[in-house]
Structure formats: structure tokens, C-alpha cells
Amino acid sequence: MSSNSIDTARADYQAGKAAFERGEYRKAVQSLEAASALVPPMSHFGGEVQIWLVTAYEAMGQRSEALALCREVSRHPDLKIRDQGRRLLYILEAPRLTTRPEWLTQIPDLTALGDNDARDRLTAATVSPNKPPEKPAFQLEEVVDPRQVNMQANRFVWVALSMAALVLGGLLWFM
């Protein structure tokens, strides 16, 4: 295997991963299939490419291709790749859970909106730049005069201090 084909495979692999992470699954499958064709399937790098290809197949809805490739990867000679393949196969073969329509949130299709349609978007002209600040959620009913607050010693303070001293004394006694 030449270094030129390895470099091409690495470039296709990186392009496929990037496309997958952007949600462009068709492009990811194309790039990962090209990378997979250039590397030996039983190498560590070949196994990584195949793992990504399985996830891209599944994202594209090509479940049968994903399962077939995942079964191959689960018999890979590299231990890490084989473990990843087995875990992925376990997930792919798990039964599908049924969901109720009320559990799902429908996202509207915004592709029909035009870029220049002023009714469909909020423009700077509709936002008031000199909006008055909002009032706080709470307001004090009255301001307390500090001269009216009882500042004399309270019995609670002396009781709390004596209890703390007793606890500390007890701890020192038992040590």
C-alpha cells in the first residue's frame, strides 16, 4: 500500500467524519466508502473507518448495510475495534421503542421561507431601541430605619456561644 493512497484515505476519512458531524450523511457515506476501499479492512485504521461507516449507514437509514458491516467489524482482529463493533451491533440489533406522537416535538419546515420576506422575520426597525428598563420583580414596602432596630445583646447569642464552648470542651476532653 503506497503512502499516497494512505494519505488519500486519511483525507477521505476526515472528510467523512466532518460531513457526518455536520449531518450530511450522504456525503459522509461516500467519503467513508472511498476511504474504506483504500485501506486494508483488517488494519486498525480500516476498522475505524468501518465503524464510522456503520454509523453513517444507520444515519442514512440503510440499516441492512449497517448491520452487515457491523457484524464484520465485530470479528475484527484488533481488540478495540472488535469491542466497539460488538457494542454497536448490540445497539443496532436492539428492538425499536415505540413512541406516542404527543411525546415528539414537530419542527416546522422553514425551507419555504424566502430570505427577503420581511413578514417572516423580525427586523431591526420593529425593535424599539429606547425601550424603558423593566421594573424589578419586587419592591420594598418601606425602608427600615437603622435607629429602630434593637441592637442590644440577645440571650440567644449567649446560649449559642455557651453551647459551642461546651461541645468544643467535650471534644477536647475525649481526645
N, C-alpha and C. Protein backbone atom coordinates (compact mmCIF):
# COMPACT_ATOMS: atom_id res chain seq x y z
N MET A 1 0.84 -1.17 0.00
CA MET A 1 0.00 0.00 0.00
C MET A 1 0.90 1.24 0.00
N SER A 2 0.65 2.15 -0.92
CA SER A 2 1.50 3.33 -1.04
C SER A 2 1.07 4.41 -0.06
N SER A 3 2.02 5.30 0.25
CA SER A 3 1.72 6.38 1.20
C SER A 3 0.73 7.37 0.59
N ASN A 4 0.71 7.44 -0.75
CA ASN A 4 -0.24 8.34 -1.41
C ASN A 4 -1.68 7.87 -1.17
N SER A 5 -1.91 6.56 -1.26
CA SER A 5 -3.26 6.05 -1.04
C SER A 5 -3.65 6.15 0.44
N ILE A 6 -2.68 6.01 1.35
CA ILE A 6 -2.97 6.17 2.77
C ILE A 6 -3.35 7.63 3.06
N ASP A 7 -2.62 8.56 2.46
CA ASP A 7 -2.94 9.98 2.65
C ASP A 7 -4.33 10.31 2.09
N THR A 8 -4.64 9.74 0.94
CA THR A 8 -5.96 9.95 0.34
C THR A 8 -7.04 9.35 1.24
N ALA A 9 -6.76 8.15 1.77
CA ALA A 9 -7.73 7.50 2.65
C ALA A 9 -7.94 8.33 3.93
N ARG A 10 -6.86 8.85 4.49
CA ARG A 10 -6.98 9.69 5.69
C ARG A 10 -7.78 10.96 5.40
N ALA A 11 -7.56 11.54 4.23
CA ALA A 11 -8.30 12.75 3.85
C ALA A 11 -9.79 12.43 3.67
N ASP A 12 -10.08 11.30 3.02
CA ASP A 12 -11.47 10.89 2.85
C ASP A 12 -12.12 10.57 4.20
N TYR A 13 -11.35 9.94 5.07
CA TYR A 13 -11.85 9.60 6.41
C TYR A 13 -12.20 10.87 7.19
N GLN A 14 -11.29 11.85 7.19
CA GLN A 14 -11.55 13.11 7.89
C GLN A 14 -12.73 13.85 7.28
N ALA A 15 -12.83 13.83 5.95
CA ALA A 15 -13.95 14.48 5.28
C ALA A 15 -15.26 13.78 5.62
N GLY A 16 -15.23 12.47 5.70
CA GLY A 16 -16.43 11.71 6.06
C GLY A 16 -16.87 11.98 7.48
N LYS A 17 -15.91 12.03 8.42
CA LYS A 17 -16.25 12.34 9.80
C LYS A 17 -16.84 13.73 9.92
N ALA A 18 -16.21 14.69 9.24
CA ALA A 18 -16.69 16.07 9.30
C ALA A 18 -18.09 16.18 8.70
N ALA A 19 -18.32 15.51 7.58
CA ALA A 19 -19.65 15.54 6.96
C ALA A 19 -20.69 14.89 7.87
N PHE A 20 -20.32 13.80 8.53
CA PHE A 20 -21.23 13.13 9.45
C PHE A 20 -21.60 14.06 10.60
N GLU A 21 -20.62 14.74 11.16
CA GLU A 21 -20.87 15.63 12.29
C GLU A 21 -21.69 16.85 11.89
N ARG A 22 -21.66 17.22 10.62
CA ARG A 22 -22.49 18.32 10.13
C ARG A 22 -23.89 17.85 9.74
N GLY A 23 -24.11 16.53 9.75
CA GLY A 23 -25.41 15.99 9.40
C GLY A 23 -25.56 15.69 7.92
N GLU A 24 -24.48 15.76 7.16
CA GLU A 24 -24.51 15.45 5.72
C GLU A 24 -24.16 13.98 5.55
N TYR A 25 -25.12 13.12 5.82
CA TYR A 25 -24.86 11.69 5.88
C TYR A 25 -24.56 11.07 4.53
N ARG A 26 -25.17 11.55 3.47
CA ARG A 26 -24.90 11.01 2.15
C ARG A 26 -23.43 11.27 1.76
N LYS A 27 -22.98 12.49 2.02
CA LYS A 27 -21.59 12.83 1.71
C LYS A 27 -20.64 12.04 2.62
N ALA A 28 -21.05 11.82 3.87
CA ALA A 28 -20.23 11.05 4.80
C ALA A 28 -20.07 9.62 4.32
N VAL A 29 -21.17 9.01 3.86
CA VAL A 29 -21.11 7.63 3.36
C VAL A 29 -20.19 7.56 2.15
N GLN A 30 -20.30 8.51 1.23
CA GLN A 30 -19.44 8.50 0.04
C GLN A 30 -17.97 8.60 0.42
N SER A 31 -17.64 9.53 1.31
CA SER A 31 -16.24 9.71 1.70
C SER A 31 -15.71 8.52 2.47
N LEU A 32 -16.52 7.97 3.38
CA LEU A 32 -16.06 6.83 4.17
C LEU A 32 -15.95 5.56 3.33
N GLU A 33 -16.84 5.38 2.36
CA GLU A 33 -16.71 4.24 1.46
C GLU A 33 -15.43 4.35 0.63
N ALA A 34 -15.11 5.57 0.17
CA ALA A 34 -13.87 5.77 -0.59
C ALA A 34 -12.66 5.48 0.28
N ALA A 35 -12.69 5.90 1.53
CA ALA A 35 -11.57 5.63 2.44
C ALA A 35 -11.47 4.14 2.74
N SER A 36 -12.61 3.49 2.91
CA SER A 36 -12.61 2.06 3.21
C SER A 36 -12.05 1.24 2.05
N ALA A 37 -12.27 1.70 0.84
CA ALA A 37 -11.75 0.98 -0.33
C ALA A 37 -10.24 1.10 -0.44
N LEU A 38 -9.65 2.13 0.18
CA LEU A 38 -8.21 2.39 0.04
C LEU A 38 -7.36 1.76 1.14
N VAL A 39 -7.99 1.31 2.23
CA VAL A 39 -7.21 0.76 3.34
C VAL A 39 -7.53 -0.71 3.53
N PRO A 40 -6.59 -1.48 4.08
CA PRO A 40 -6.89 -2.88 4.37
C PRO A 40 -7.96 -2.96 5.47
N PRO A 41 -9.00 -3.74 5.27
CA PRO A 41 -10.10 -3.77 6.24
C PRO A 41 -9.71 -4.33 7.60
N MET A 42 -8.67 -5.14 7.68
CA MET A 42 -8.29 -5.75 8.95
C MET A 42 -7.25 -4.94 9.71
N SER A 43 -6.87 -3.75 9.20
CA SER A 43 -5.95 -2.89 9.94
C SER A 43 -6.74 -2.07 10.96
N HIS A 44 -6.02 -1.48 11.90
CA HIS A 44 -6.70 -0.67 12.91
C HIS A 44 -7.41 0.52 12.26
N PHE A 45 -6.73 1.19 11.35
CA PHE A 45 -7.33 2.33 10.66
C PHE A 45 -8.52 1.90 9.81
N GLY A 46 -8.40 0.74 9.17
CA GLY A 46 -9.53 0.22 8.40
C GLY A 46 -10.74 -0.06 9.28
N GLY A 47 -10.49 -0.54 10.49
CA GLY A 47 -11.58 -0.77 11.43
C GLY A 47 -12.25 0.52 11.87
N GLU A 48 -11.45 1.56 12.12
CA GLU A 48 -12.03 2.86 12.49
C GLU A 48 -12.91 3.40 11.38
N VAL A 49 -12.44 3.27 10.15
CA VAL A 49 -13.22 3.74 9.00
C VAL A 49 -14.53 2.96 8.93
N GLN A 50 -14.48 1.66 9.16
CA GLN A 50 -15.68 0.84 9.09
C GLN A 50 -16.67 1.17 10.20
N ILE A 51 -16.18 1.48 11.40
CA ILE A 51 -17.06 1.87 12.50
C ILE A 51 -17.81 3.15 12.13
N TRP A 52 -17.09 4.12 11.60
CA TRP A 52 -17.75 5.36 11.18
C TRP A 52 -18.71 5.11 10.04
N LEU A 53 -18.35 4.20 9.15
CA LEU A 53 -19.22 3.87 8.03
C LEU A 53 -20.52 3.21 8.51
N VAL A 54 -20.43 2.38 9.54
CA VAL A 54 -21.63 1.76 10.11
C VAL A 54 -22.57 2.84 10.64
N THR A 55 -22.02 3.80 11.38
CA THR A 55 -22.88 4.85 11.94
C THR A 55 -23.46 5.73 10.84
N ALA A 56 -22.69 5.95 9.78
CA ALA A 56 -23.21 6.76 8.66
C ALA A 56 -24.31 6.00 7.93
N TYR A 57 -24.13 4.70 7.73
CA TYR A 57 -25.19 3.89 7.11
C TYR A 57 -26.48 3.97 7.94
N GLU A 58 -26.33 3.81 9.24
CA GLU A 58 -27.50 3.86 10.12
C GLU A 58 -28.17 5.24 10.06
N ALA A 59 -27.38 6.28 10.03
CA ALA A 59 -27.96 7.63 9.95
C ALA A 59 -28.67 7.86 8.63
N MET A 60 -28.20 7.21 7.57
CA MET A 60 -28.84 7.34 6.26
C MET A 60 -30.09 6.48 6.15
N GLY A 61 -30.30 5.59 7.11
CA GLY A 61 -31.46 4.71 7.04
C GLY A 61 -31.17 3.41 6.33
N GLN A 62 -29.91 3.13 6.03
CA GLN A 62 -29.51 1.89 5.37
C GLN A 62 -29.16 0.87 6.45
N ARG A 63 -30.17 0.41 7.14
CA ARG A 63 -29.98 -0.45 8.30
C ARG A 63 -29.37 -1.80 7.94
N SER A 64 -29.77 -2.38 6.83
CA SER A 64 -29.24 -3.71 6.47
C SER A 64 -27.75 -3.63 6.18
N GLU A 65 -27.30 -2.58 5.47
CA GLU A 65 -25.87 -2.41 5.21
C GLU A 65 -25.11 -2.17 6.51
N ALA A 66 -25.71 -1.38 7.40
CA ALA A 66 -25.07 -1.09 8.69
C ALA A 66 -24.91 -2.36 9.50
N LEU A 67 -25.95 -3.19 9.56
CA LEU A 67 -25.87 -4.44 10.31
C LEU A 67 -24.86 -5.41 9.72
N ALA A 68 -24.84 -5.53 8.39
CA ALA A 68 -23.90 -6.46 7.75
C ALA A 68 -22.46 -6.03 8.02
N LEU A 69 -22.18 -4.74 7.86
CA LEU A 69 -20.82 -4.26 8.09
C LEU A 69 -20.46 -4.36 9.57
N CYS A 70 -21.42 -4.11 10.44
CA CYS A 70 -21.15 -4.18 11.86
C CYS A 70 -20.85 -5.61 12.30
N ARG A 71 -21.49 -6.58 11.69
CA ARG A 71 -21.18 -7.99 12.00
C ARG A 71 -19.75 -8.33 11.60
N GLU A 72 -19.31 -7.76 10.47
CA GLU A 72 -17.92 -7.97 10.06
C GLU A 72 -16.96 -7.31 11.04
N VAL A 73 -17.27 -6.09 11.45
CA VAL A 73 -16.40 -5.35 12.36
C VAL A 73 -16.34 -6.04 13.72
N SER A 74 -17.40 -6.69 14.13
CA SER A 74 -17.40 -7.37 15.43
C SER A 74 -16.48 -8.59 15.44
N ARG A 75 -15.96 -9.00 14.28
CA ARG A 75 -14.97 -10.09 14.18
C ARG A 75 -13.60 -9.57 13.78
N HIS A 76 -13.36 -8.27 13.97
CA HIS A 76 -12.11 -7.62 13.58
C HIS A 76 -10.96 -8.14 14.45
N PRO A 77 -9.74 -8.27 13.91
CA PRO A 77 -8.62 -8.77 14.72
C PRO A 77 -8.17 -7.80 15.81
N ASP A 78 -8.39 -6.50 15.64
CA ASP A 78 -7.99 -5.51 16.65
C ASP A 78 -9.02 -5.53 17.78
N LEU A 79 -8.55 -5.67 19.02
CA LEU A 79 -9.44 -5.83 20.17
C LEU A 79 -10.35 -4.62 20.37
N LYS A 80 -9.81 -3.40 20.28
CA LYS A 80 -10.62 -2.19 20.50
C LYS A 80 -11.70 -2.06 19.43
N ILE A 81 -11.33 -2.31 18.20
CA ILE A 81 -12.29 -2.22 17.10
C ILE A 81 -13.35 -3.30 17.26
N ARG A 82 -12.93 -4.51 17.63
CA ARG A 82 -13.88 -5.60 17.81
C ARG A 82 -14.87 -5.28 18.94
N ASP A 83 -14.39 -4.72 20.05
CA ASP A 83 -15.28 -4.35 21.15
C ASP A 83 -16.26 -3.25 20.73
N GLN A 84 -15.76 -2.25 20.01
CA GLN A 84 -16.65 -1.20 19.51
C GLN A 84 -17.70 -1.78 18.57
N GLY A 85 -17.27 -2.68 17.72
CA GLY A 85 -18.20 -3.31 16.79
C GLY A 85 -19.27 -4.11 17.51
N ARG A 86 -18.88 -4.84 18.55
CA ARG A 86 -19.86 -5.62 19.31
C ARG A 86 -20.86 -4.71 20.02
N ARG A 87 -20.35 -3.63 20.62
CA ARG A 87 -21.26 -2.70 21.30
C ARG A 87 -22.22 -2.06 20.31
N LEU A 88 -21.69 -1.67 19.17
CA LEU A 88 -22.53 -1.05 18.15
C LEU A 88 -23.55 -2.05 17.60
N LEU A 89 -23.14 -3.30 17.41
CA LEU A 89 -24.06 -4.33 16.94
C LEU A 89 -25.17 -4.57 17.96
N TYR A 90 -24.82 -4.56 19.23
CA TYR A 90 -25.82 -4.72 20.29
C TYR A 90 -26.86 -3.60 20.21
N ILE A 91 -26.41 -2.39 19.98
CA ILE A 91 -27.32 -1.26 19.88
C ILE A 91 -28.19 -1.37 18.63
N LEU A 92 -27.57 -1.73 17.51
CA LEU A 92 -28.33 -1.82 16.25
C LEU A 92 -29.36 -2.94 16.27
N GLU A 93 -29.06 -4.02 16.96
CA GLU A 93 -29.98 -5.14 17.00
C GLU A 93 -31.03 -5.01 18.10
N ALA A 94 -30.93 -3.99 18.91
CA ALA A 94 -31.91 -3.78 19.98
C ALA A 94 -33.27 -3.46 19.36
N PRO A 95 -34.33 -3.90 20.01
CA PRO A 95 -35.66 -3.61 19.45
C PRO A 95 -35.96 -2.11 19.49
N ARG A 96 -36.68 -1.67 18.49
CA ARG A 96 -37.07 -0.26 18.41
C ARG A 96 -38.18 0.02 19.41
N LEU A 97 -38.06 1.12 20.11
CA LEU A 97 -39.10 1.51 21.04
C LEU A 97 -40.17 2.29 20.30
N THR A 98 -41.40 2.06 20.67
CA THR A 98 -42.48 2.81 20.05
C THR A 98 -42.71 4.09 20.86
N THR A 99 -43.02 5.15 20.15
CA THR A 99 -43.27 6.43 20.81
C THR A 99 -44.63 6.94 20.41
N ARG A 100 -45.22 7.66 21.30
CA ARG A 100 -46.51 8.28 21.02
C ARG A 100 -46.26 9.62 20.33
N PRO A 101 -47.18 10.02 19.46
CA PRO A 101 -46.99 11.30 18.77
C PRO A 101 -46.93 12.50 19.72
N GLU A 102 -47.61 12.42 20.85
CA GLU A 102 -47.59 13.55 21.77
C GLU A 102 -46.27 13.68 22.51
N TRP A 103 -45.42 12.66 22.45
CA TRP A 103 -44.11 12.74 23.07
C TRP A 103 -43.11 13.49 22.20
N LEU A 104 -43.41 13.63 20.94
CA LEU A 104 -42.48 14.22 19.99
C LEU A 104 -42.81 15.68 19.73
N THR A 105 -41.81 16.44 19.43
CA THR A 105 -41.98 17.84 19.07
C THR A 105 -41.81 17.95 17.57
N GLN A 106 -42.80 18.51 16.91
CA GLN A 106 -42.74 18.69 15.47
C GLN A 106 -42.00 19.98 15.16
N ILE A 107 -40.98 19.90 14.34
CA ILE A 107 -40.22 21.07 13.93
C ILE A 107 -40.75 21.49 12.57
N PRO A 108 -41.19 22.73 12.44
CA PRO A 108 -41.76 23.16 11.16
C PRO A 108 -40.69 23.25 10.07
N ASP A 109 -41.11 23.02 8.85
CA ASP A 109 -40.22 23.10 7.71
C ASP A 109 -40.10 24.57 7.29
N LEU A 110 -38.91 25.13 7.42
CA LEU A 110 -38.69 26.54 7.13
C LEU A 110 -38.02 26.77 5.78
N THR A 111 -37.92 25.73 4.97
CA THR A 111 -37.26 25.89 3.68
C THR A 111 -38.07 26.73 2.72
N ALA A 112 -39.38 26.81 2.92
CA ALA A 112 -40.23 27.58 2.01
C ALA A 112 -40.16 29.08 2.27
N LEU A 113 -39.57 29.48 3.38
CA LEU A 113 -39.48 30.90 3.68
C LEU A 113 -38.44 31.56 2.80
N GLY A 114 -38.77 32.71 2.31
CA GLY A 114 -37.82 33.45 1.48
C GLY A 114 -36.87 34.26 2.34
N ASP A 115 -35.69 34.56 1.80
CA ASP A 115 -34.71 35.35 2.54
C ASP A 115 -35.13 36.81 2.65
N ASN A 116 -35.89 37.32 1.70
CA ASN A 116 -36.23 38.72 1.69
C ASN A 116 -37.64 39.01 2.16
N ASP A 117 -38.33 38.04 2.69
CA ASP A 117 -39.70 38.23 3.14
C ASP A 117 -39.69 38.88 4.53
N ALA A 118 -40.03 40.15 4.58
CA ALA A 118 -39.96 40.91 5.82
C ALA A 118 -41.01 40.47 6.83
N ARG A 119 -42.10 39.87 6.39
CA ARG A 119 -43.13 39.43 7.31
C ARG A 119 -42.68 38.23 8.13
N ASP A 120 -41.72 37.47 7.63
CA ASP A 120 -41.32 36.23 8.29
C ASP A 120 -40.19 36.38 9.29
N ARG A 121 -39.65 37.54 9.40
CA ARG A 121 -38.54 37.69 10.35
C ARG A 121 -38.65 39.02 11.08
N LEU A 122 -38.01 39.09 12.18
CA LEU A 122 -38.01 40.28 12.99
C LEU A 122 -36.88 41.17 12.51
N THR A 123 -37.17 42.40 12.15
CA THR A 123 -36.14 43.29 11.66
C THR A 123 -35.77 44.29 12.73
N ALA A 124 -34.69 44.98 12.53
CA ALA A 124 -34.22 45.96 13.49
C ALA A 124 -35.18 47.14 13.58
N ALA A 125 -35.93 47.42 12.51
CA ALA A 125 -36.85 48.54 12.52
C ALA A 125 -38.04 48.29 13.44
N THR A 126 -38.39 47.04 13.68
CA THR A 126 -39.54 46.75 14.53
C THR A 126 -39.18 46.71 16.00
N VAL A 127 -37.90 46.68 16.32
CA VAL A 127 -37.47 46.65 17.71
C VAL A 127 -37.20 48.07 18.16
N SER A 128 -37.77 48.47 19.27
CA SER A 128 -37.59 49.82 19.79
C SER A 128 -36.23 49.92 20.47
N PRO A 129 -35.34 50.82 20.00
CA PRO A 129 -34.02 50.90 20.60
C PRO A 129 -34.05 51.56 21.97
N ASN A 130 -35.03 52.42 22.25
CA ASN A 130 -35.07 53.13 23.52
C ASN A 130 -36.16 52.57 24.43
N LYS A 131 -36.15 51.29 24.62
CA LYS A 131 -37.13 50.64 25.45
C LYS A 131 -36.81 50.95 26.91
N PRO A 132 -37.81 51.36 27.70
CA PRO A 132 -37.52 51.67 29.10
C PRO A 132 -37.15 50.39 29.85
N PRO A 133 -36.29 50.51 30.84
CA PRO A 133 -35.89 49.31 31.59
C PRO A 133 -37.08 48.76 32.37
N GLU A 134 -37.08 47.44 32.51
CA GLU A 134 -38.16 46.79 33.23
C GLU A 134 -38.02 47.07 34.72
N LYS A 135 -39.17 47.12 35.41
CA LYS A 135 -39.16 47.33 36.85
C LYS A 135 -38.75 46.03 37.52
N PRO A 136 -38.10 46.13 38.67
CA PRO A 136 -37.72 44.89 39.37
C PRO A 136 -38.96 44.11 39.78
N ALA A 137 -38.79 42.83 39.95
CA ALA A 137 -39.91 41.95 40.27
C ALA A 137 -40.46 42.21 41.67
N PHE A 138 -39.64 42.75 42.55
CA PHE A 138 -40.11 43.04 43.91
C PHE A 138 -39.66 44.44 44.29
N GLN A 139 -40.38 45.04 45.19
CA GLN A 139 -40.01 46.35 45.73
C GLN A 139 -40.24 46.30 47.23
N LEU A 140 -39.36 46.96 47.97
CA LEU A 140 -39.53 47.04 49.41
C LEU A 140 -40.70 47.95 49.72
N GLU A 141 -41.52 47.54 50.65
CA GLU A 141 -42.68 48.34 51.03
C GLU A 141 -42.25 49.59 51.76
N GLU A 142 -41.32 49.43 52.67
CA GLU A 142 -40.84 50.58 53.42
C GLU A 142 -39.38 50.38 53.75
N VAL A 143 -38.71 51.46 53.91
CA VAL A 143 -37.30 51.42 54.28
C VAL A 143 -37.22 51.37 55.80
N VAL A 144 -36.41 50.45 56.32
CA VAL A 144 -36.28 50.29 57.76
C VAL A 144 -35.22 51.26 58.26
N ASP A 145 -35.59 52.01 59.26
CA ASP A 145 -34.66 52.96 59.87
C ASP A 145 -33.73 52.20 60.80
N PRO A 146 -32.41 52.30 60.62
CA PRO A 146 -31.47 51.55 61.47
C PRO A 146 -31.58 51.93 62.95
N ARG A 147 -32.08 53.12 63.27
CA ARG A 147 -32.19 53.52 64.67
C ARG A 147 -33.31 52.76 65.38
N GLN A 148 -34.22 52.18 64.61
CA GLN A 148 -35.33 51.45 65.20
C GLN A 148 -35.02 49.97 65.44
N VAL A 149 -33.90 49.49 64.94
CA VAL A 149 -33.52 48.09 65.09
C VAL A 149 -32.91 47.90 66.47
N ASN A 150 -33.33 46.85 67.19
CA ASN A 150 -32.81 46.55 68.52
C ASN A 150 -31.41 45.99 68.37
N MET A 151 -30.41 46.72 68.81
CA MET A 151 -29.01 46.32 68.66
C MET A 151 -28.44 45.77 69.97
N GLN A 152 -29.23 45.63 71.01
CA GLN A 152 -28.73 45.17 72.29
C GLN A 152 -28.47 43.67 72.23
N ALA A 153 -27.65 43.21 73.16
CA ALA A 153 -27.28 41.81 73.21
C ALA A 153 -28.51 40.94 73.41
N ASN A 154 -28.53 39.85 72.73
CA ASN A 154 -29.65 38.94 72.76
C ASN A 154 -29.24 37.70 73.56
N ARG A 155 -30.16 37.09 74.30
CA ARG A 155 -29.83 35.89 75.08
C ARG A 155 -29.48 34.72 74.17
N PHE A 156 -30.06 34.67 73.00
CA PHE A 156 -29.79 33.57 72.07
C PHE A 156 -28.30 33.51 71.72
N VAL A 157 -27.68 34.66 71.53
CA VAL A 157 -26.26 34.69 71.17
C VAL A 157 -25.45 34.06 72.29
N TRP A 158 -25.77 34.40 73.55
CA TRP A 158 -25.00 33.86 74.67
C TRP A 158 -25.27 32.37 74.84
N VAL A 159 -26.48 31.92 74.61
CA VAL A 159 -26.79 30.49 74.72
C VAL A 159 -26.05 29.73 73.62
N ALA A 160 -26.02 30.26 72.39
CA ALA A 160 -25.33 29.59 71.28
C ALA A 160 -23.84 29.54 71.54
N LEU A 161 -23.26 30.61 72.05
CA LEU A 161 -21.82 30.62 72.33
C LEU A 161 -21.49 29.63 73.45
N SER A 162 -22.32 29.56 74.48
CA SER A 162 -22.03 28.62 75.57
C SER A 162 -22.18 27.17 75.09
N MET A 163 -23.15 26.88 74.24
CA MET A 163 -23.30 25.53 73.70
C MET A 163 -22.10 25.15 72.83
N ALA A 164 -21.61 26.09 72.04
CA ALA A 164 -20.43 25.82 71.21
C ALA A 164 -19.22 25.56 72.09
N ALA A 165 -19.08 26.33 73.17
CA ALA A 165 -17.96 26.12 74.08
C ALA A 165 -18.05 24.76 74.76
N LEU A 166 -19.27 24.35 75.14
CA LEU A 166 -19.43 23.03 75.77
C LEU A 166 -19.08 21.90 74.79
N VAL A 167 -19.52 22.03 73.54
CA VAL A 167 -19.21 20.99 72.54
C VAL A 167 -17.72 20.91 72.32
N LEU A 168 -17.06 22.05 72.15
CA LEU A 168 -15.60 22.05 71.95
C LEU A 168 -14.88 21.50 73.17
N GLY A 169 -15.35 21.88 74.36
CA GLY A 169 -14.73 21.36 75.58
C GLY A 169 -14.89 19.85 75.67
N GLY A 170 -16.07 19.35 75.32
CA GLY A 170 -16.30 17.91 75.33
C GLY A 170 -15.41 17.18 74.35
N LEU A 171 -15.22 17.76 73.18
CA LEU A 171 -14.33 17.14 72.19
C LEU A 171 -12.89 17.11 72.67
N LEU A 172 -12.46 18.19 73.30
CA LEU A 172 -11.08 18.22 73.82
C LEU A 172 -10.91 17.24 74.97
N TRP A 173 -11.94 17.06 75.81
CA TRP A 173 -11.87 16.14 76.94
C TRP A 173 -11.70 14.70 76.49
N PHE A 174 -12.41 14.30 75.39
CA PHE A 174 -12.36 12.91 74.93
C PHE A 174 -11.15 12.62 74.06
N MET A 175 -10.40 13.58 73.68
CA MET A 175 -9.22 13.32 72.84
C MET A 175 -8.08 12.98 73.69
